[in-house]
PDB file of N, CA and C in Angstrom:
ATOM      1  N   MET A   1     -14.102  -4.557  -8.022  1.00  0.00           N
ATOM      2  CA  MET A   1     -14.342  -5.843  -8.608  1.00  0.00           C
ATOM      3  C   MET A   1     -15.459  -6.595  -7.905  1.00  0.00           C
ATOM      4  N   ASP A   2     -15.306  -6.700  -6.594  1.00  0.00           N
ATOM      5  CA  ASP A   2     -16.289  -7.459  -5.826  1.00  0.00           C
ATOM      6  C   ASP A   2     -17.669  -6.805  -5.906  1.00  0.00           C
ATOM      7  N   ASN A   3     -18.649  -7.637  -6.236  1.00  0.00           N
ATOM      8  CA  ASN A   3     -20.052  -7.245  -6.374  1.00  0.00           C
ATOM      9  C   ASN A   3     -20.304  -6.275  -7.522  1.00  0.00           C
ATOM     10  N   THR A   4     -19.361  -6.179  -8.451  1.00  0.00           N
ATOM     11  CA  THR A   4     -19.587  -5.461  -9.704  1.00  0.00           C
ATOM     12  C   THR A   4     -19.254  -6.400 -10.860  1.00  0.00           C
ATOM     13  N   VAL A   5     -17.979  -6.695 -11.035  1.00  0.00           N
ATOM     14  CA  VAL A   5     -17.554  -7.632 -12.075  1.00  0.00           C
ATOM     15  C   VAL A   5     -17.752  -9.073 -11.615  1.00  0.00           C
ATOM     16  N   THR A   6     -17.485  -9.322 -10.342  1.00  0.00           N
ATOM     17  CA  THR A   6     -17.644 -10.669  -9.774  1.00  0.00           C
ATOM     18  C   THR A   6     -18.373 -10.568  -8.441  1.00  0.00           C
ATOM     19  N   ARG A   7     -18.820 -11.687  -7.952  1.00  0.00           N
ATOM     20  CA  ARG A   7     -19.292 -11.733  -6.572  1.00  0.00           C
ATOM     21  C   ARG A   7     -18.054 -11.661  -5.681  1.00  0.00           C
ATOM     22  N   THR A   8     -18.229 -11.295  -4.438  1.00  0.00           N
ATOM     23  CA  THR A   8     -17.106 -11.119  -3.529  1.00  0.00           C
ATOM     24  C   THR A   8     -16.162 -12.316  -3.539  1.00  0.00           C
ATOM     25  N   ARG A   9     -14.888 -12.037  -3.829  1.00  0.00           N
ATOM     26  CA  ARG A   9     -13.808 -13.034  -3.825  1.00  0.00           C
ATOM     27  C   ARG A   9     -14.079 -14.247  -4.711  1.00  0.00           C
ATOM     28  N   SER A  10     -14.906 -14.071  -5.736  1.00  0.00           N
ATOM     29  CA  SER A  10     -15.261 -15.181  -6.627  1.00  0.00           C
ATOM     30  C   SER A  10     -14.648 -14.986  -8.003  1.00  0.00           C
ATOM     31  N   VAL A  11     -14.560 -16.068  -8.741  1.00  0.00           N
ATOM     32  CA  VAL A  11     -14.083 -16.027 -10.126  1.00  0.00           C
ATOM     33  C   VAL A  11     -15.187 -15.429 -10.990  1.00  0.00           C
ATOM     34  N   VAL A  12     -14.780 -14.676 -12.005  1.00  0.00           N
ATOM     35  CA  VAL A  12     -15.731 -14.046 -12.914  1.00  0.00           C
ATOM     36  C   VAL A  12     -16.653 -15.111 -13.526  1.00  0.00           C
ATOM     37  N   ALA A  13     -17.932 -14.807 -13.594  1.00  0.00           N
ATOM     38  CA  ALA A  13     -18.924 -15.734 -14.143  1.00  0.00           C
ATOM     39  C   ALA A  13     -18.725 -15.881 -15.655  1.00  0.00           C
ATOM     40  N   PRO A  14     -19.042 -17.049 -16.202  1.00  0.00           N
ATOM     41  CA  PRO A  14     -18.881 -17.265 -17.644  1.00  0.00           C
ATOM     42  C   PRO A  14     -19.614 -16.205 -18.484  1.00  0.00           C
ATOM     43  N   ARG A  15     -20.798 -15.812 -18.059  1.00  0.00           N
ATOM     44  CA  ARG A  15     -21.562 -14.815 -18.820  1.00  0.00           C
ATOM     45  C   ARG A  15     -20.834 -13.465 -18.854  1.00  0.00           C
ATOM     46  N   MET A  16     -20.244 -13.068 -17.729  1.00  0.00           N
ATOM     47  CA  MET A  16     -19.496 -11.815 -17.683  1.00  0.00           C
ATOM     48  C   MET A  16     -18.242 -11.925 -18.542  1.00  0.00           C
ATOM     49  N   LYS A  17     -17.583 -13.084 -18.498  1.00  0.00           N
ATOM     50  CA  LYS A  17     -16.390 -13.306 -19.312  1.00  0.00           C
ATOM     51  C   LYS A  17     -16.737 -13.224 -20.802  1.00  0.00           C
ATOM     52  N   GLU A  18     -17.905 -13.742 -21.173  1.00  0.00           N
ATOM     53  CA  GLU A  18     -18.364 -13.640 -22.565  1.00  0.00           C
ATOM     54  C   GLU A  18     -18.560 -12.182 -22.961  1.00  0.00           C
ATOM     55  N   ALA A  19     -19.121 -11.394 -22.048  1.00  0.00           N
ATOM     56  CA  ALA A  19     -19.335  -9.970 -22.329  1.00  0.00           C
ATOM     57  C   ALA A  19     -17.996  -9.269 -22.528  1.00  0.00           C
ATOM     58  N   PHE A  20     -17.016  -9.571 -21.673  1.00  0.00           N
ATOM     59  CA  PHE A  20     -15.687  -8.986 -21.830  1.00  0.00           C
ATOM     60  C   PHE A  20     -15.055  -9.412 -23.154  1.00  0.00           C
ATOM     61  N   SER A  21     -15.216 -10.682 -23.507  1.00  0.00           N
ATOM     62  CA  SER A  21     -14.657 -11.176 -24.773  1.00  0.00           C
ATOM     63  C   SER A  21     -15.278 -10.446 -25.953  1.00  0.00           C
ATOM     64  N   TYR A  22     -16.583 -10.238 -25.898  1.00  0.00           N
ATOM     65  CA  TYR A  22     -17.276  -9.502 -26.971  1.00  0.00           C
ATOM     66  C   TYR A  22     -16.719  -8.081 -27.079  1.00  0.00           C
ATOM     67  N   LEU A  23     -16.579  -7.411 -25.942  1.00  0.00           N
ATOM     68  CA  LEU A  23     -16.046  -6.048 -25.950  1.00  0.00           C
ATOM     69  C   LEU A  23     -14.624  -6.011 -26.508  1.00  0.00           C
ATOM     70  N   LYS A  24     -13.819  -6.979 -26.098  1.00  0.00           N
ATOM     71  CA  LYS A  24     -12.434  -7.056 -26.562  1.00  0.00           C
ATOM     72  C   LYS A  24     -12.381  -7.272 -28.072  1.00  0.00           C
ATOM     73  N   GLU A  25     -13.212  -8.195 -28.556  1.00  0.00           N
ATOM     74  CA  GLU A  25     -13.243  -8.487 -29.990  1.00  0.00           C
ATOM     75  C   GLU A  25     -13.772  -7.299 -30.786  1.00  0.00           C
ATOM     76  N   SER A  26     -14.560  -6.439 -30.154  1.00  0.00           N
ATOM     77  CA  SER A  26     -15.099  -5.242 -30.805  1.00  0.00           C
ATOM     78  C   SER A  26     -14.092  -4.104 -30.814  1.00  0.00           C
ATOM     79  N   GLY A  27     -12.912  -4.334 -30.232  1.00  0.00           N
ATOM     80  CA  GLY A  27     -11.867  -3.330 -30.242  1.00  0.00           C
ATOM     81  C   GLY A  27     -11.778  -2.476 -28.992  1.00  0.00           C
ATOM     82  N   SER A  28     -12.552  -2.806 -27.975  1.00  0.00           N
ATOM     83  CA  SER A  28     -12.531  -2.035 -26.729  1.00  0.00           C
ATOM     84  C   SER A  28     -11.393  -2.490 -25.831  1.00  0.00           C
ATOM     85  N   ASP A  29     -10.810  -1.527 -25.116  1.00  0.00           N
ATOM     86  CA  ASP A  29      -9.851  -1.861 -24.071  1.00  0.00           C
ATOM     87  C   ASP A  29     -10.632  -2.161 -22.800  1.00  0.00           C
ATOM     88  N   ILE A  30     -10.226  -3.183 -22.089  1.00  0.00           N
ATOM     89  CA  ILE A  30     -10.880  -3.542 -20.836  1.00  0.00           C
ATOM     90  C   ILE A  30      -9.893  -3.290 -19.711  1.00  0.00           C
ATOM     91  N   VAL A  31     -10.323  -2.492 -18.741  1.00  0.00           N
ATOM     92  CA  VAL A  31      -9.493  -2.133 -17.607  1.00  0.00           C
ATOM     93  C   VAL A  31     -10.256  -2.467 -16.332  1.00  0.00           C
ATOM     94  N   ILE A  32      -9.668  -3.279 -15.479  1.00  0.00           N
ATOM     95  CA  ILE A  32     -10.262  -3.624 -14.193  1.00  0.00           C
ATOM     96  C   ILE A  32      -9.542  -2.816 -13.128  1.00  0.00           C
ATOM     97  N   VAL A  33     -10.287  -1.965 -12.425  1.00  0.00           N
ATOM     98  CA  VAL A  33      -9.743  -1.142 -11.346  1.00  0.00           C
ATOM     99  C   VAL A  33     -10.297  -1.664 -10.040  1.00  0.00           C
ATOM    100  N   SER A  34      -9.403  -1.945  -9.105  1.00  0.00           N
ATOM    101  CA  SER A  34      -9.840  -2.547  -7.848  1.00  0.00           C
ATOM    102  C   SER A  34      -8.896  -2.163  -6.719  1.00  0.00           C
ATOM    103  N   GLY A  35      -9.402  -2.202  -5.517  1.00  0.00           N
ATOM    104  CA  GLY A  35      -8.574  -2.012  -4.338  1.00  0.00           C
ATOM    105  C   GLY A  35      -7.798  -3.268  -3.989  1.00  0.00           C
ATOM    106  N   ALA A  36      -8.006  -4.335  -4.740  1.00  0.00           N
ATOM    107  CA  ALA A  36      -7.318  -5.605  -4.490  1.00  0.00           C
ATOM    108  C   ALA A  36      -5.915  -5.582  -5.087  1.00  0.00           C
ATOM    109  N   HIS A  37      -5.087  -6.518  -4.649  1.00  0.00           N
ATOM    110  CA  HIS A  37      -3.768  -6.711  -5.235  1.00  0.00           C
ATOM    111  C   HIS A  37      -3.931  -7.337  -6.618  1.00  0.00           C
ATOM    112  N   LEU A  38      -2.941  -7.127  -7.478  1.00  0.00           N
ATOM    113  CA  LEU A  38      -3.017  -7.657  -8.842  1.00  0.00           C
ATOM    114  C   LEU A  38      -3.207  -9.166  -8.871  1.00  0.00           C
ATOM    115  N   GLU A  39      -2.565  -9.869  -7.944  1.00  0.00           N
ATOM    116  CA  GLU A  39      -2.693 -11.325  -7.913  1.00  0.00           C
ATOM    117  C   GLU A  39      -4.148 -11.743  -7.686  1.00  0.00           C
ATOM    118  N   GLN A  40      -4.836 -11.015  -6.802  1.00  0.00           N
ATOM    119  CA  GLN A  40      -6.240 -11.318  -6.526  1.00  0.00           C
ATOM    120  C   GLN A  40      -7.111 -11.001  -7.742  1.00  0.00           C
ATOM    121  N   ILE A  41      -6.832  -9.891  -8.403  1.00  0.00           N
ATOM    122  CA  ILE A  41      -7.602  -9.542  -9.605  1.00  0.00           C
ATOM    123  C   ILE A  41      -7.423 -10.628 -10.658  1.00  0.00           C
ATOM    124  N   GLY A  42      -6.168 -11.039 -10.887  1.00  0.00           N
ATOM    125  CA  GLY A  42      -5.897 -12.085 -11.876  1.00  0.00           C
ATOM    126  C   GLY A  42      -6.602 -13.385 -11.539  1.00  0.00           C
ATOM    127  N   LYS A  43      -6.597 -13.733 -10.275  1.00  0.00           N
ATOM    128  CA  LYS A  43      -7.270 -14.962  -9.828  1.00  0.00           C
ATOM    129  C   LYS A  43      -8.775 -14.874 -10.102  1.00  0.00           C
ATOM    130  N   GLN A  44      -9.367 -13.745  -9.750  1.00  0.00           N
ATOM    131  CA  GLN A  44     -10.812 -13.602  -9.935  1.00  0.00           C
ATOM    132  C   GLN A  44     -11.190 -13.489 -11.415  1.00  0.00           C
ATOM    133  N   MET A  45     -10.310 -12.875 -12.220  1.00  0.00           N
ATOM    134  CA  MET A  45     -10.591 -12.724 -13.647  1.00  0.00           C
ATOM    135  C   MET A  45     -10.213 -13.958 -14.445  1.00  0.00           C
ATOM    136  N   GLY A  46      -9.648 -14.961 -13.779  1.00  0.00           N
ATOM    137  CA  GLY A  46      -9.232 -16.161 -14.505  1.00  0.00           C
ATOM    138  C   GLY A  46      -8.143 -15.841 -15.512  1.00  0.00           C
ATOM    139  N   GLU A  47      -7.289 -14.857 -15.148  1.00  0.00           N
ATOM    140  CA  GLU A  47      -6.177 -14.415 -16.005  1.00  0.00           C
ATOM    141  C   GLU A  47      -6.668 -13.903 -17.359  1.00  0.00           C
ATOM    142  N   PHE A  48      -7.891 -13.360 -17.419  1.00  0.00           N
ATOM    143  CA  PHE A  48      -8.424 -12.785 -18.655  1.00  0.00           C
ATOM    144  C   PHE A  48      -7.498 -11.660 -19.123  1.00  0.00           C
ATOM    145  N   PRO A  49      -7.123 -11.647 -20.395  1.00  0.00           N
ATOM    146  CA  PRO A  49      -6.184 -10.642 -20.886  1.00  0.00           C
ATOM    147  C   PRO A  49      -6.816  -9.258 -21.009  1.00  0.00           C
ATOM    148  N   CYS A  50      -6.483  -8.394 -20.068  1.00  0.00           N
ATOM    149  CA  CYS A  50      -6.927  -7.009 -20.082  1.00  0.00           C
ATOM    150  C   CYS A  50      -5.944  -6.224 -19.221  1.00  0.00           C
ATOM    151  N   PHE A  51      -6.294  -5.021 -18.846  1.00  0.00           N
ATOM    152  CA  PHE A  51      -5.421  -4.223 -17.989  1.00  0.00           C
ATOM    153  C   PHE A  51      -5.961  -4.264 -16.573  1.00  0.00           C
ATOM    154  N   TYR A  52      -5.082  -4.515 -15.618  1.00  0.00           N
ATOM    155  CA  TYR A  52      -5.466  -4.552 -14.203  1.00  0.00           C
ATOM    156  C   TYR A  52      -4.826  -3.369 -13.491  1.00  0.00           C
ATOM    157  N   LEU A  53      -5.616  -2.592 -12.774  1.00  0.00           N
ATOM    158  CA  LEU A  53      -5.108  -1.511 -11.932  1.00  0.00           C
ATOM    159  C   LEU A  53      -5.478  -1.865 -10.505  1.00  0.00           C
ATOM    160  N   GLY A  54      -4.495  -2.309  -9.751  1.00  0.00           N
ATOM    161  CA  GLY A  54      -4.744  -2.785  -8.400  1.00  0.00           C
ATOM    162  C   GLY A  54      -4.484  -1.738  -7.335  1.00  0.00           C
ATOM    163  N   GLN A  55      -5.119  -1.929  -6.195  1.00  0.00           N
ATOM    164  CA  GLN A  55      -4.976  -1.039  -5.047  1.00  0.00           C
ATOM    165  C   GLN A  55      -5.269   0.398  -5.448  1.00  0.00           C
ATOM    166  N   ASN A  56      -6.449   0.590  -6.020  1.00  0.00           N
ATOM    167  CA  ASN A  56      -6.914   1.906  -6.446  1.00  0.00           C
ATOM    168  C   ASN A  56      -6.028   2.543  -7.512  1.00  0.00           C
ATOM    169  N   GLY A  57      -5.454   1.740  -8.372  1.00  0.00           N
ATOM    170  CA  GLY A  57      -4.693   2.254  -9.499  1.00  0.00           C
ATOM    171  C   GLY A  57      -3.219   2.472  -9.252  1.00  0.00           C
ATOM    172  N   ASN A  58      -2.702   2.115  -8.071  1.00  0.00           N
ATOM    173  CA  ASN A  58      -1.290   2.333  -7.774  1.00  0.00           C
ATOM    174  C   ASN A  58      -0.373   1.249  -8.335  1.00  0.00           C
ATOM    175  N   HIS A  59      -0.929   0.174  -8.817  1.00  0.00           N
ATOM    176  CA  HIS A  59      -0.140  -0.923  -9.382  1.00  0.00           C
ATOM    177  C   HIS A  59      -0.859  -1.360 -10.647  1.00  0.00           C
ATOM    178  N   ALA A  60      -0.178  -1.291 -11.778  1.00  0.00           N
ATOM    179  CA  ALA A  60      -0.824  -1.588 -13.058  1.00  0.00           C
ATOM    180  C   ALA A  60      -0.089  -2.706 -13.785  1.00  0.00           C
ATOM    181  N   LEU A  61      -0.884  -3.577 -14.400  1.00  0.00           N
ATOM    182  CA  LEU A  61      -0.356  -4.723 -15.136  1.00  0.00           C
ATOM    183  C   LEU A  61      -1.050  -4.826 -16.472  1.00  0.00           C
ATOM    184  N   ASN A  62      -0.276  -5.059 -17.521  1.00  0.00           N
ATOM    185  CA  ASN A  62      -0.833  -5.398 -18.817  1.00  0.00           C
ATOM    186  C   ASN A  62      -0.926  -6.918 -18.837  1.00  0.00           C
ATOM    187  N   ALA A  63      -2.117  -7.445 -18.637  1.00  0.00           N
ATOM    188  CA  ALA A  63      -2.277  -8.894 -18.537  1.00  0.00           C
ATOM    189  C   ALA A  63      -2.136  -9.588 -19.894  1.00  0.00           C
ATOM    190  N   PHE A  64      -2.086  -8.818 -20.991  1.00  0.00           N
ATOM    191  CA  PHE A  64      -1.806  -9.410 -22.300  1.00  0.00           C
ATOM    192  C   PHE A  64      -0.368  -9.914 -22.337  1.00  0.00           C
ATOM    193  N   THR A  65       0.537  -9.106 -21.767  1.00  0.00           N
ATOM    194  CA  THR A  65       1.965  -9.402 -21.855  1.00  0.00           C
ATOM    195  C   THR A  65       2.604  -9.729 -20.508  1.00  0.00           C
ATOM    196  N   SER A  66       1.838  -9.591 -19.429  1.00  0.00           N
ATOM    197  CA  SER A  66       2.318  -9.748 -18.052  1.00  0.00           C
ATOM    198  C   SER A  66       3.332  -8.670 -17.667  1.00  0.00           C
ATOM    199  N   ALA A  67       3.371  -7.591 -18.424  1.00  0.00           N
ATOM    200  CA  ALA A  67       4.304  -6.502 -18.130  1.00  0.00           C
ATOM    201  C   ALA A  67       3.736  -5.583 -17.052  1.00  0.00           C
ATOM    202  N   GLN A  68       4.551  -5.290 -16.064  1.00  0.00           N
ATOM    203  CA  GLN A  68       4.157  -4.329 -15.040  1.00  0.00           C
ATOM    204  C   GLN A  68       4.278  -2.940 -15.653  1.00  0.00           C
ATOM    205  N   LEU A  69       3.196  -2.144 -15.612  1.00  0.00           N
ATOM    206  CA  LEU A  69       3.208  -0.810 -16.190  1.00  0.00           C
ATOM    207  C   LEU A  69       3.725   0.223 -15.198  1.00  0.00           C
ATOM    208  N   TRP A  70       3.302   0.096 -13.938  1.00  0.00           N
ATOM    209  CA  TRP A  70       3.854   0.922 -12.871  1.00  0.00           C
ATOM    210  C   TRP A  70       3.468   0.344 -11.526  1.00  0.00           C
ATOM    211  N   ARG A  71       4.203   0.779 -10.518  1.00  0.00           N
ATOM    212  CA  ARG A  71       3.910   0.398  -9.134  1.00  0.00           C
ATOM    213  C   ARG A  71       4.342   1.557  -8.247  1.00  0.00           C
ATOM    214  N   ARG A  72       3.398   2.162  -7.594  1.00  0.00           N
ATOM    215  CA  ARG A  72       3.656   3.311  -6.717  1.00  0.00           C
ATOM    216  C   ARG A  72       3.101   2.981  -5.343  1.00  0.00           C
ATOM    217  N   VAL A  73       3.975   2.617  -4.434  1.00  0.00           N
ATOM    218  CA  VAL A  73       3.589   2.262  -3.074  1.00  0.00           C
ATOM    219  C   VAL A  73       3.765   3.491  -2.189  1.00  0.00           C
ATOM    220  N   LEU A  74       2.774   3.761  -1.343  1.00  0.00           N
ATOM    221  CA  LEU A  74       2.861   4.899  -0.430  1.00  0.00           C
ATOM    222  C   LEU A  74       3.937   4.660   0.626  1.00  0.00           C
ATOM    223  N   SER A  75       4.673   5.712   0.937  1.00  0.00           N
ATOM    224  CA  SER A  75       5.673   5.622   2.001  1.00  0.00           C
ATOM    225  C   SER A  75       4.941   5.651   3.346  1.00  0.00           C
ATOM    226  N   GLU A  76       5.661   5.306   4.404  1.00  0.00           N
ATOM    227  CA  GLU A  76       5.071   5.354   5.746  1.00  0.00           C
ATOM    228  C   GLU A  76       4.636   6.779   6.086  1.00  0.00           C
ATOM    229  N   LYS A  77       5.424   7.766   5.681  1.00  0.00           N
ATOM    230  CA  LYS A  77       5.091   9.175   5.939  1.00  0.00           C
ATOM    231  C   LYS A  77       3.800   9.558   5.217  1.00  0.00           C
ATOM    232  N   GLU A  78       3.654   9.126   3.962  1.00  0.00           N
ATOM    233  CA  GLU A  78       2.435   9.428   3.201  1.00  0.00           C
ATOM    234  C   GLU A  78       1.214   8.764   3.843  1.00  0.00           C
ATOM    235  N   LYS A  79       1.373   7.518   4.284  1.00  0.00           N
ATOM    236  CA  LYS A  79       0.271   6.826   4.962  1.00  0.00           C
ATOM    237  C   LYS A  79      -0.134   7.554   6.223  1.00  0.00           C
ATOM    238  N   GLU A  80       0.858   8.029   6.992  1.00  0.00           N
ATOM    239  CA  GLU A  80       0.587   8.764   8.218  1.00  0.00           C
ATOM    240  C   GLU A  80      -0.155  10.063   7.916  1.00  0.00           C
ATOM    241  N   GLU A  81       0.269  10.770   6.883  1.00  0.00           N
ATOM    242  CA  GLU A  81      -0.386  12.017   6.510  1.00  0.00           C
ATOM    243  C   GLU A  81      -1.843  11.779   6.110  1.00  0.00           C
ATOM    244  N   ILE A  82      -2.088  10.734   5.388  1.00  0.00           N
ATOM    245  CA  ILE A  82      -3.462  10.391   4.978  1.00  0.00           C
ATOM    246  C   ILE A  82      -4.302  10.050   6.201  1.00  0.00           C
ATOM    247  N   THR A  83      -3.757   9.218   7.075  1.00  0.00           N
ATOM    248  CA  THR A  83      -4.471   8.819   8.295  1.00  0.00           C
ATOM    249  C   THR A  83      -4.791  10.038   9.168  1.00  0.00           C
ATOM    250  N   ASN A  84      -3.834  10.943   9.302  1.00  0.00           N
ATOM    251  CA  ASN A  84      -4.053  12.159  10.095  1.00  0.00           C
ATOM    252  C   ASN A  84      -5.120  13.061   9.464  1.00  0.00           C
ATOM    253  N   HIS A  85      -5.195  13.047   8.177  1.00  0.00           N
ATOM    254  CA  HIS A  85      -6.178  13.872   7.472  1.00  0.00           C
ATOM    255  C   HIS A  85      -7.602  13.345   7.678  1.00  0.00           C
ATOM    256  N   ILE A  86      -7.722  12.052   7.805  1.00  0.00           N
ATOM    257  CA  ILE A  86      -9.042  11.430   7.964  1.00  0.00           C
ATOM    258  C   ILE A  86      -9.553  11.734   9.348  1.00  0.00           C
TER     259      ILE A  86
END
Protein backbone atom coordinates (compact mmCIF):
# COMPACT_ATOMS: atom_id res chain seq x y z
CA MET A 1 0.00 0.00 0.00
CA ASP A 2 2.58 2.50 1.10
CA ASN A 3 4.15 4.35 -1.84
CA THR A 4 1.95 2.50 -4.34
CA VAL A 5 -1.72 3.13 -3.57
CA THR A 6 -0.97 5.80 -0.96
CA ARG A 7 1.99 7.70 0.37
CA THR A 8 3.47 6.09 3.48
CA ARG A 9 0.87 5.90 6.27
CA SER A 10 -1.35 8.39 4.44
CA VAL A 11 -4.99 8.35 3.39
CA VAL A 12 -5.62 7.49 -0.26
CA ALA A 13 -5.56 10.61 -2.46
CA PRO A 14 -8.87 11.75 -3.99
CA ARG A 15 -7.54 11.12 -7.51
CA MET A 16 -6.62 7.52 -6.65
CA LYS A 17 -10.01 7.02 -4.99
CA GLU A 18 -11.67 8.27 -8.19
CA ALA A 19 -9.67 5.73 -10.19
CA PHE A 20 -10.78 2.94 -7.85
CA SER A 21 -14.40 4.12 -8.10
CA TYR A 22 -14.18 4.07 -11.90
CA LEU A 23 -12.76 0.54 -11.86
CA LYS A 24 -15.44 -0.60 -9.42
CA GLU A 25 -18.22 0.92 -11.51
CA SER A 26 -16.74 -0.81 -14.58
CA GLY A 27 -17.26 -4.16 -12.85
CA SER A 28 -13.71 -4.77 -11.64
CA ASP A 29 -12.94 -6.28 -8.26
CA ILE A 30 -10.49 -4.21 -6.25
CA VAL A 31 -8.16 -6.04 -3.89
CA ILE A 32 -5.64 -4.26 -1.67
CA VAL A 33 -2.79 -6.53 -0.56
CA SER A 34 -0.51 -5.19 2.13
CA GLY A 35 1.78 -6.21 4.94
CA ALA A 36 -0.27 -3.89 7.15
CA HIS A 37 -3.06 -4.91 9.51
CA LEU A 38 -6.60 -4.65 8.15
CA GLU A 39 -7.37 -1.72 10.44
CA GLN A 40 -4.47 0.25 8.94
CA ILE A 41 -5.55 -0.60 5.39
CA GLY A 42 -9.10 0.53 6.15
CA LYS A 43 -7.84 3.76 7.68
CA GLN A 44 -5.63 4.54 4.70
CA MET A 45 -8.33 3.57 2.17
CA GLY A 46 -10.93 5.68 3.95
CA GLU A 47 -13.03 2.51 4.34
CA PHE A 48 -13.37 2.28 0.52
CA PRO A 49 -15.48 -0.81 -0.25
CA CYS A 50 -13.16 -3.43 -1.73
CA PHE A 51 -11.29 -6.51 -0.56
CA TYR A 52 -8.43 -6.09 1.91
CA LEU A 53 -5.74 -8.76 2.32
CA GLY A 54 -3.62 -7.78 5.28
CA GLN A 55 -0.25 -9.01 6.50
CA ASN A 56 0.70 -10.47 3.14
CA GLY A 57 -2.69 -12.07 2.57
CA ASN A 58 -3.05 -13.93 5.89
CA HIS A 59 -6.06 -11.87 6.98
CA ALA A 60 -8.83 -11.06 4.51
CA LEU A 61 -11.82 -8.76 4.80
CA ASN A 62 -14.70 -8.05 2.47
CA ALA A 63 -15.00 -4.33 3.11
CA PHE A 64 -18.37 -4.27 1.29
CA THR A 65 -19.94 -6.31 4.08
CA SER A 66 -17.27 -6.09 6.82
CA ALA A 67 -17.17 -9.90 6.77
CA GLN A 68 -13.90 -11.54 7.71
CA LEU A 69 -13.05 -14.01 4.93
CA TRP A 70 -10.16 -15.71 6.72
CA ARG A 71 -7.45 -15.18 9.30
CA ARG A 72 -4.39 -17.40 9.44
CA VAL A 73 -1.88 -16.37 12.10
CA LEU A 74 1.50 -18.10 12.18
CA SER A 75 2.23 -20.15 15.28
CA GLU A 76 5.37 -19.48 17.32
CA LYS A 77 6.89 -22.69 15.89
CA GLU A 78 6.19 -21.55 12.31
CA LYS A 79 7.73 -18.13 13.03
CA GLU A 80 10.81 -19.82 14.48
CA GLU A 81 11.15 -22.07 11.43
CA ILE A 82 10.93 -19.09 9.09
CA THR A 83 13.47 -17.11 11.13
CA ASN A 84 15.87 -20.08 11.16
CA HIS A 85 15.52 -20.45 7.41
CA ILE A 86 16.48 -16.83 6.80
